[in-house]
Amino acid sequence: MAIVDEPSEIREGEELDNSLVEQFLRDTIEGLSGLFSIKQFPSGFSNLTYFISVGDRNMVLRRPPIGKKAKTAHDMKREYRILSALHPVFPYCPQPLAYTEDESVMGCPFYVMERIPGVILRKNIPKEMNFSGDHARTLCENMIDLQHRLHTLDYKAIGLADFGKPEGYVRRQVEGWSKRYRDARTPDVPDFEKVMAWLDAHQTADSVTPGIIHNDYKFDNLVLNPDMPSEITGILDWEMATLGDPLMDLGSSIAYWINPDDPEEVQMIRMMPTNAPGMMTRKELVERYGQMSGKAIDNFDFYYCFGLFRLAVIAQQIYYRFYHGQTRDKRFAQLVFAVAILEKAAQRVLDGGGW
């Protein structure tokens, strides 16, 4: 089935030394044999992701992007650690295979994990999927249910009690992302000062039931079963996972969600098929999570607005690298428009538009 996510040739400037990578893998992972090849997954805007095959063994290599990076971002060791802890009890995580901080291989820490093959939804649903409205609704339900399941895992029992600091989490997020935006701001984007002031004034108390949060939980980080497209078989990109407020995680997810009746400019930055027939709305998704968790969602404006702002910061940090010539990936040039549109969306929340 051609709809399964496939790699392509490596982008210029993001090549690896194949001989060094191959030698590291053969020395580190037991039982590898056969021909070695390496390609790149072309999507994604953060860590660089490569497809590696050795004989009939398929793996994925993750490394930080090239250029300026946020101080606490792209921590390969941290990402490898959470996969190692979660995979035995939450098999939607890829199985981690190897990690190294030896910069002689590619100049930075990186790790390797097993590949979870399957379908990853991008902007539009492929026609070949025969994806019905019923499939769409069931997928939405499964997505929220699985996110809630992650949030309720006993993180202490699997050795992740020190993986984050739930106390003061909301405050640190508001302050930290505000600083990141100011640090990465370029002259051609909004200043977001009104939004940052509103978030500071309306931040919520710490959750009494903190949990493991993915922090980038969305359709294009979910792997779907090609034969049953409403079934989720894997969750990818754990680089921002931590311990914190589950509603902050939900807010970040909902910030990606674009309803069919959202303004035209918002539709322009849609990256996933959240507006397809049968898809649940933001309201329906949040209400389902509230019913499952028993958590009050009457103050969800804060979480949604923070999610929009956080998404703008991520886009701006990536755009900063392009603006200063640290990456040649032309996709990043368009992020300046996304930042401006997200600022307007956040402002609508401030003006009483809700989520």
Protein backbone atom coordinates (compact mmCIF):
# COMPACT_ATOMS: atom_id res chain seq x y z
CA MET A 1 0.00 0.00 0.00
CA ALA A 2 1.60 3.26 -1.16
CA ILE A 3 0.05 5.33 1.64
CA VAL A 4 2.53 3.97 4.20
CA ASP A 5 4.97 6.69 5.21
CA GLU A 6 8.17 6.27 3.21
CA PRO A 7 11.60 7.96 3.29
CA SER A 8 13.28 9.79 0.42
CA GLU A 9 16.73 11.03 -0.52
CA ILE A 10 18.65 13.04 2.10
CA ARG A 11 18.32 16.84 1.91
CA GLU A 12 21.38 18.87 0.98
CA GLY A 13 23.30 19.92 4.07
CA GLU A 14 21.81 17.16 6.24
CA GLU A 15 23.92 14.25 5.00
CA LEU A 16 25.54 11.81 7.45
CA ASP A 17 28.83 9.94 7.15
CA ASN A 18 27.38 6.59 6.13
CA SER A 19 30.50 4.58 6.93
CA LEU A 20 30.70 5.94 10.49
CA VAL A 21 27.00 5.39 11.13
CA GLU A 22 27.14 1.85 9.75
CA GLN A 23 30.16 0.97 11.85
CA PHE A 24 28.52 2.33 15.02
CA LEU A 25 25.34 0.34 14.41
CA ARG A 26 27.12 -2.94 13.66
CA ASP A 27 29.29 -2.50 16.76
CA THR A 28 26.35 -1.57 19.02
CA ILE A 29 23.27 -3.53 17.93
CA GLU A 30 23.66 -7.28 18.08
CA GLY A 31 22.76 -9.44 15.12
CA LEU A 32 22.83 -6.91 12.29
CA SER A 33 23.78 -8.37 8.94
CA GLY A 34 23.22 -7.52 5.30
CA LEU A 35 23.45 -4.43 3.14
CA PHE A 36 23.35 -1.01 4.79
CA SER A 37 21.37 1.92 3.39
CA ILE A 38 20.20 5.25 4.73
CA LYS A 39 17.50 7.73 3.61
CA GLN A 40 15.63 10.58 5.27
CA PHE A 41 12.03 11.15 6.27
CA PRO A 42 11.25 14.47 4.57
CA SER A 43 8.52 15.73 6.88
CA GLY A 44 8.87 17.25 10.33
CA PHE A 45 10.36 20.56 11.37
CA SER A 46 12.45 19.71 14.41
CA ASN A 47 14.81 16.78 14.97
CA LEU A 48 16.21 15.21 11.81
CA THR A 49 14.90 11.70 11.21
CA TYR A 50 16.56 9.09 9.01
CA PHE A 51 15.49 5.64 7.81
CA ILE A 52 18.18 2.97 8.10
CA SER A 53 18.01 -0.56 6.81
CA VAL A 54 20.54 -3.29 7.45
CA GLY A 55 19.49 -6.41 5.61
CA ASP A 56 15.84 -6.95 6.56
CA ARG A 57 16.09 -4.84 9.76
CA ASN A 58 14.47 -1.40 9.54
CA MET A 59 15.39 1.32 12.02
CA VAL A 60 15.04 5.05 12.57
CA LEU A 61 17.84 7.41 13.61
CA ARG A 62 17.08 10.71 15.34
CA ARG A 63 19.52 13.59 15.76
CA PRO A 64 19.18 17.32 16.60
CA PRO A 65 18.70 19.85 13.79
CA ILE A 66 21.56 21.89 12.42
CA GLY A 67 21.84 25.50 13.58
CA LYS A 68 20.73 27.42 16.68
CA LYS A 69 18.72 25.31 19.12
CA ALA A 70 16.89 26.15 22.33
CA LYS A 71 19.10 25.30 25.29
CA THR A 72 16.84 22.57 26.69
CA ALA A 73 15.49 21.27 23.37
CA HIS A 74 16.57 18.29 21.28
CA ASP A 75 17.92 16.29 24.24
CA MET A 76 18.59 12.91 22.66
CA LYS A 77 19.48 11.23 25.94
CA ARG A 78 16.23 12.36 27.53
CA GLU A 79 14.18 11.14 24.57
CA TYR A 80 15.98 7.79 24.61
CA ARG A 81 15.37 7.46 28.34
CA ILE A 82 11.60 7.93 28.15
CA LEU A 83 11.30 5.44 25.30
CA SER A 84 13.28 2.91 27.34
CA ALA A 85 10.99 3.39 30.34
CA LEU A 86 7.69 3.53 28.45
CA HIS A 87 8.06 0.84 25.80
CA PRO A 88 7.60 -2.15 28.16
CA VAL A 89 4.31 -0.76 29.58
CA PHE A 90 3.10 1.41 26.71
CA PRO A 91 4.05 -0.40 23.50
CA TYR A 92 2.89 2.47 21.28
CA CYS A 93 6.40 3.83 21.89
CA PRO A 94 9.05 2.63 19.44
CA GLN A 95 11.58 0.25 20.95
CA PRO A 96 14.88 2.11 21.54
CA LEU A 97 18.00 0.27 20.34
CA ALA A 98 21.09 2.44 20.78
CA TYR A 99 22.22 5.83 22.03
CA THR A 100 25.57 7.60 21.99
CA GLU A 101 27.09 10.91 22.95
CA ASP A 102 30.25 10.12 20.97
CA GLU A 103 30.46 13.13 18.66
CA SER A 104 33.02 11.42 16.45
CA VAL A 105 30.15 9.70 14.61
CA MET A 106 28.19 12.79 13.53
CA GLY A 107 29.16 15.66 15.81
CA CYS A 108 26.23 15.35 18.20
CA PRO A 109 24.37 12.85 20.39
CA PHE A 110 21.82 10.67 18.59
CA TYR A 111 19.80 7.53 19.08
CA VAL A 112 18.35 4.68 17.04
CA MET A 113 15.01 2.92 17.47
CA GLU A 114 12.95 0.28 15.72
CA ARG A 115 10.72 1.55 12.95
CA ILE A 116 6.95 1.30 13.40
CA PRO A 117 5.63 1.02 9.82
CA GLY A 118 2.23 2.43 9.00
CA VAL A 119 0.22 5.38 7.81
CA ILE A 120 0.90 8.91 9.08
CA LEU A 121 -1.76 11.48 8.25
CA ARG A 122 -0.42 14.71 6.80
CA LYS A 123 -2.43 17.62 5.45
CA ASN A 124 -5.05 15.59 3.57
CA ILE A 125 -6.29 12.01 3.78
CA PRO A 126 -4.99 9.93 0.83
CA LYS A 127 -7.79 8.82 -1.48
CA GLU A 128 -6.36 5.29 -1.44
CA MET A 129 -7.25 4.94 2.23
CA ASN A 130 -11.01 4.77 1.63
CA PHE A 131 -11.33 6.69 4.90
CA SER A 132 -14.99 7.10 5.90
CA GLY A 133 -16.65 9.51 8.31
CA ASP A 134 -17.04 6.63 10.76
CA HIS A 135 -13.31 5.93 10.52
CA ALA A 136 -12.63 9.60 11.24
CA ARG A 137 -14.78 9.73 14.36
CA THR A 138 -13.41 6.45 15.71
CA LEU A 139 -9.86 7.65 15.13
CA CYS A 140 -10.58 10.85 17.07
CA GLU A 141 -12.02 8.84 19.95
CA ASN A 142 -9.02 6.50 19.96
CA MET A 143 -6.64 9.45 19.86
CA ILE A 144 -8.17 11.09 22.94
CA ASP A 145 -8.53 7.80 24.79
CA LEU A 146 -4.87 6.94 24.21
CA GLN A 147 -3.73 10.38 25.31
CA HIS A 148 -5.69 9.99 28.53
CA ARG A 149 -4.19 6.51 29.03
CA LEU A 150 -0.70 8.00 28.75
CA HIS A 151 -1.57 10.70 31.30
CA THR A 152 -2.71 8.14 33.85
CA LEU A 153 0.31 5.81 33.70
CA ASP A 154 2.08 5.34 37.02
CA TYR A 155 5.26 7.22 36.15
CA LYS A 156 6.85 6.49 39.51
CA ALA A 157 6.49 2.74 39.05
CA ILE A 158 8.42 2.80 35.75
CA GLY A 159 11.32 4.87 37.06
CA LEU A 160 10.32 8.32 35.81
CA ALA A 161 9.64 10.06 39.13
CA ASP A 162 12.50 12.48 38.41
CA PHE A 163 11.66 13.01 34.73
CA GLY A 164 10.07 16.39 35.41
CA LYS A 165 8.86 18.76 38.13
CA PRO A 166 5.06 18.90 38.24
CA GLU A 167 5.14 21.54 40.97
CA GLY A 168 5.18 24.96 39.35
CA TYR A 169 4.85 23.41 35.88
CA VAL A 170 2.27 25.86 34.51
CA ARG A 171 4.18 28.90 35.73
CA ARG A 172 7.46 27.62 34.28
CA GLN A 173 5.79 26.94 30.95
CA VAL A 174 4.32 30.42 30.67
CA GLU A 175 7.59 32.07 31.69
CA GLY A 176 9.82 29.73 29.71
CA TRP A 177 7.96 29.89 26.40
CA SER A 178 7.64 33.66 26.72
CA LYS A 179 11.41 33.93 27.08
CA ARG A 180 11.96 31.58 24.15
CA TYR A 181 9.76 33.69 21.92
CA ARG A 182 11.51 36.91 22.85
CA ASP A 183 14.90 35.26 22.28
CA ALA A 184 13.91 33.91 18.85
CA ARG A 185 11.90 36.88 17.62
CA THR A 186 12.85 38.36 14.25
CA PRO A 187 11.81 41.84 13.05
CA ASP A 188 9.11 40.51 10.72
CA VAL A 189 6.79 38.82 13.28
CA PRO A 190 4.31 40.11 15.92
CA ASP A 191 5.64 40.78 19.43
CA PHE A 192 2.97 38.65 21.20
CA GLU A 193 3.30 40.87 24.29
CA LYS A 194 -0.46 41.12 24.90
CA VAL A 195 -0.84 37.36 24.63
CA MET A 196 2.08 36.71 26.98
CA ALA A 197 0.68 39.19 29.52
CA TRP A 198 -2.76 37.52 29.35
CA LEU A 199 -1.28 34.05 29.86
CA ASP A 200 0.70 35.30 32.83
CA ALA A 201 -2.42 36.81 34.41
CA HIS A 202 -4.71 33.83 33.72
CA GLN A 203 -2.43 30.87 34.42
CA THR A 204 -4.06 28.02 36.31
CA ALA A 205 -3.01 26.24 39.48
CA ASP A 206 -0.89 23.10 39.27
CA SER A 207 -2.74 19.89 38.50
CA VAL A 208 -3.44 17.66 41.49
CA THR A 209 -3.04 14.65 39.16
CA PRO A 210 0.11 15.29 37.08
CA GLY A 211 1.24 12.68 34.62
CA ILE A 212 3.46 11.86 31.67
CA ILE A 213 2.68 14.32 28.90
CA HIS A 214 3.84 13.97 25.31
CA ASN A 215 3.80 17.71 24.53
CA ASP A 216 3.42 17.25 20.76
CA TYR A 217 0.54 14.80 20.54
CA LYS A 218 -1.11 15.18 17.12
CA PHE A 219 -2.10 13.25 14.02
CA ASP A 220 1.26 13.38 12.26
CA ASN A 221 2.96 11.89 15.30
CA LEU A 222 0.58 8.92 15.29
CA VAL A 223 1.14 5.76 13.24
CA LEU A 224 -2.02 4.12 11.91
CA ASN A 225 -2.70 0.54 10.85
CA PRO A 226 -2.95 0.57 7.00
CA ASP A 227 -5.60 -2.16 7.12
CA MET A 228 -7.65 -0.47 9.84
CA PRO A 229 -7.00 3.29 9.59
CA SER A 230 -8.83 4.18 12.80
CA GLU A 231 -6.40 2.03 14.83
CA ILE A 232 -3.33 3.72 16.31
CA THR A 233 -0.27 1.45 16.43
CA GLY A 234 2.47 3.89 17.38
CA ILE A 235 3.26 7.32 18.81
CA LEU A 236 6.38 9.16 17.60
CA ASP A 237 8.49 12.21 18.53
CA TRP A 238 8.88 12.09 22.30
CA GLU A 239 11.50 14.85 22.42
CA MET A 240 9.36 17.23 24.50
CA ALA A 241 7.80 14.68 26.86
CA THR A 242 7.91 15.41 30.58
CA LEU A 243 5.85 15.27 33.78
CA GLY A 244 3.23 17.97 34.07
CA ASP A 245 -0.36 19.07 33.79
CA PRO A 246 -2.34 16.78 31.43
CA LEU A 247 -4.61 19.67 30.42
CA MET A 248 -1.56 21.58 29.19
CA ASP A 249 -0.83 18.60 26.95
CA LEU A 250 -4.41 18.53 25.72
CA GLY A 251 -4.30 22.28 25.06
CA SER A 252 -1.19 21.84 22.93
CA SER A 253 -2.94 19.11 20.93
CA ILE A 254 -6.11 21.13 20.44
CA ALA A 255 -4.08 24.13 19.20
CA TYR A 256 -3.27 22.07 16.09
CA TRP A 257 -6.95 21.25 15.54
CA ILE A 258 -8.66 23.28 12.84
CA ASN A 259 -12.43 23.01 12.51
CA PRO A 260 -14.16 23.27 9.11
CA ASP A 261 -15.76 26.59 10.12
CA ASP A 262 -12.54 28.28 11.30
CA PRO A 263 -11.50 31.49 9.46
CA GLU A 264 -9.94 31.13 6.01
CA GLU A 265 -6.53 32.35 7.16
CA VAL A 266 -6.49 29.64 9.83
CA GLN A 267 -7.35 27.04 7.21
CA MET A 268 -4.20 28.15 5.36
CA ILE A 269 -1.94 26.82 8.14
CA ARG A 270 -3.77 23.51 8.56
CA MET A 271 -1.21 20.69 8.59
CA MET A 272 -3.50 17.73 9.30
CA PRO A 273 -6.94 16.57 8.07
CA THR A 274 -8.79 17.68 11.20
CA ASN A 275 -11.52 19.25 9.05
CA ALA A 276 -12.36 16.04 7.15
CA PRO A 277 -15.93 14.69 7.25
CA GLY A 278 -16.60 12.81 10.47
CA MET A 279 -13.78 14.40 12.46
CA MET A 280 -14.74 15.58 15.92
CA THR A 281 -14.58 19.30 16.68
CA ARG A 282 -12.33 20.89 19.29
CA LYS A 283 -15.32 21.11 21.62
CA GLU A 284 -16.17 17.43 21.20
CA LEU A 285 -12.57 16.34 21.76
CA VAL A 286 -12.17 18.39 24.93
CA GLU A 287 -15.54 17.27 26.29
CA ARG A 288 -14.64 13.62 25.68
CA TYR A 289 -11.38 14.08 27.58
CA GLY A 290 -13.24 15.81 30.40
CA GLN A 291 -15.73 12.93 30.66
CA MET A 292 -12.96 10.32 30.70
CA SER A 293 -10.73 12.11 33.19
CA GLY A 294 -13.29 13.81 35.40
CA LYS A 295 -11.31 17.03 35.04
CA ALA A 296 -13.07 20.39 34.88
CA ILE A 297 -12.68 22.02 31.48
CA ASP A 298 -14.52 25.29 32.15
CA ASN A 299 -11.22 27.22 32.06
CA PHE A 300 -9.94 25.61 28.87
CA ASP A 301 -9.51 29.03 27.21
CA PHE A 302 -6.18 29.31 29.03
CA TYR A 303 -4.93 25.91 27.88
CA TYR A 304 -5.99 26.50 24.27
CA CYS A 305 -4.47 29.98 24.14
CA PHE A 306 -1.25 28.68 25.63
CA GLY A 307 -1.24 25.89 23.03
CA LEU A 308 -1.56 28.44 20.21
CA PHE A 309 1.23 30.56 21.67
CA ARG A 310 3.50 27.59 22.22
CA LEU A 311 2.93 26.48 18.64
CA ALA A 312 3.87 29.98 17.47
CA VAL A 313 7.08 29.84 19.51
CA ILE A 314 8.04 26.50 17.98
CA ALA A 315 7.39 27.86 14.49
CA GLN A 316 9.37 31.00 15.28
CA GLN A 317 12.34 29.08 16.65
CA ILE A 318 12.48 27.11 13.42
CA TYR A 319 11.97 30.22 11.30
CA TYR A 320 14.82 31.91 13.22
CA ARG A 321 17.22 29.30 11.86
CA PHE A 322 16.04 29.96 8.29
CA TYR A 323 16.07 33.76 8.72
CA HIS A 324 19.70 33.64 9.85
CA GLY A 325 20.80 31.21 7.15
CA GLN A 326 21.39 28.28 9.49
CA THR A 327 19.24 25.92 7.41
CA ARG A 328 18.47 25.71 3.70
CA ASP A 329 15.13 23.96 4.08
CA LYS A 330 12.81 26.23 2.05
CA ARG A 331 9.73 24.96 3.88
CA PHE A 332 10.78 27.08 6.84
CA ALA A 333 10.36 30.36 4.94
CA GLN A 334 6.55 30.05 5.19
CA LEU A 335 6.56 29.81 8.97
CA VAL A 336 6.67 33.60 9.29
CA PHE A 337 3.07 33.67 8.06
CA ALA A 338 2.04 30.92 10.47
CA VAL A 339 3.39 32.90 13.42
CA ALA A 340 1.29 35.93 12.44
CA ILE A 341 -1.86 33.85 11.96
CA LEU A 342 -1.39 32.13 15.32
CA GLU A 343 -1.02 35.52 17.00
CA LYS A 344 -4.41 36.55 15.60
CA ALA A 345 -5.97 33.25 16.71
CA ALA A 346 -4.62 33.74 20.25
CA GLN A 347 -5.89 37.31 20.26
CA ARG A 348 -9.40 36.05 19.43
CA VAL A 349 -9.29 33.97 22.62
CA LEU A 350 -8.29 37.07 24.58
CA ASP A 351 -11.21 38.94 23.04
CA GLY A 352 -13.68 36.30 24.26
CA GLY A 353 -13.81 34.08 21.18
CA GLY A 354 -13.05 30.94 23.22
CA TRP A 355 -11.77 27.71 21.79
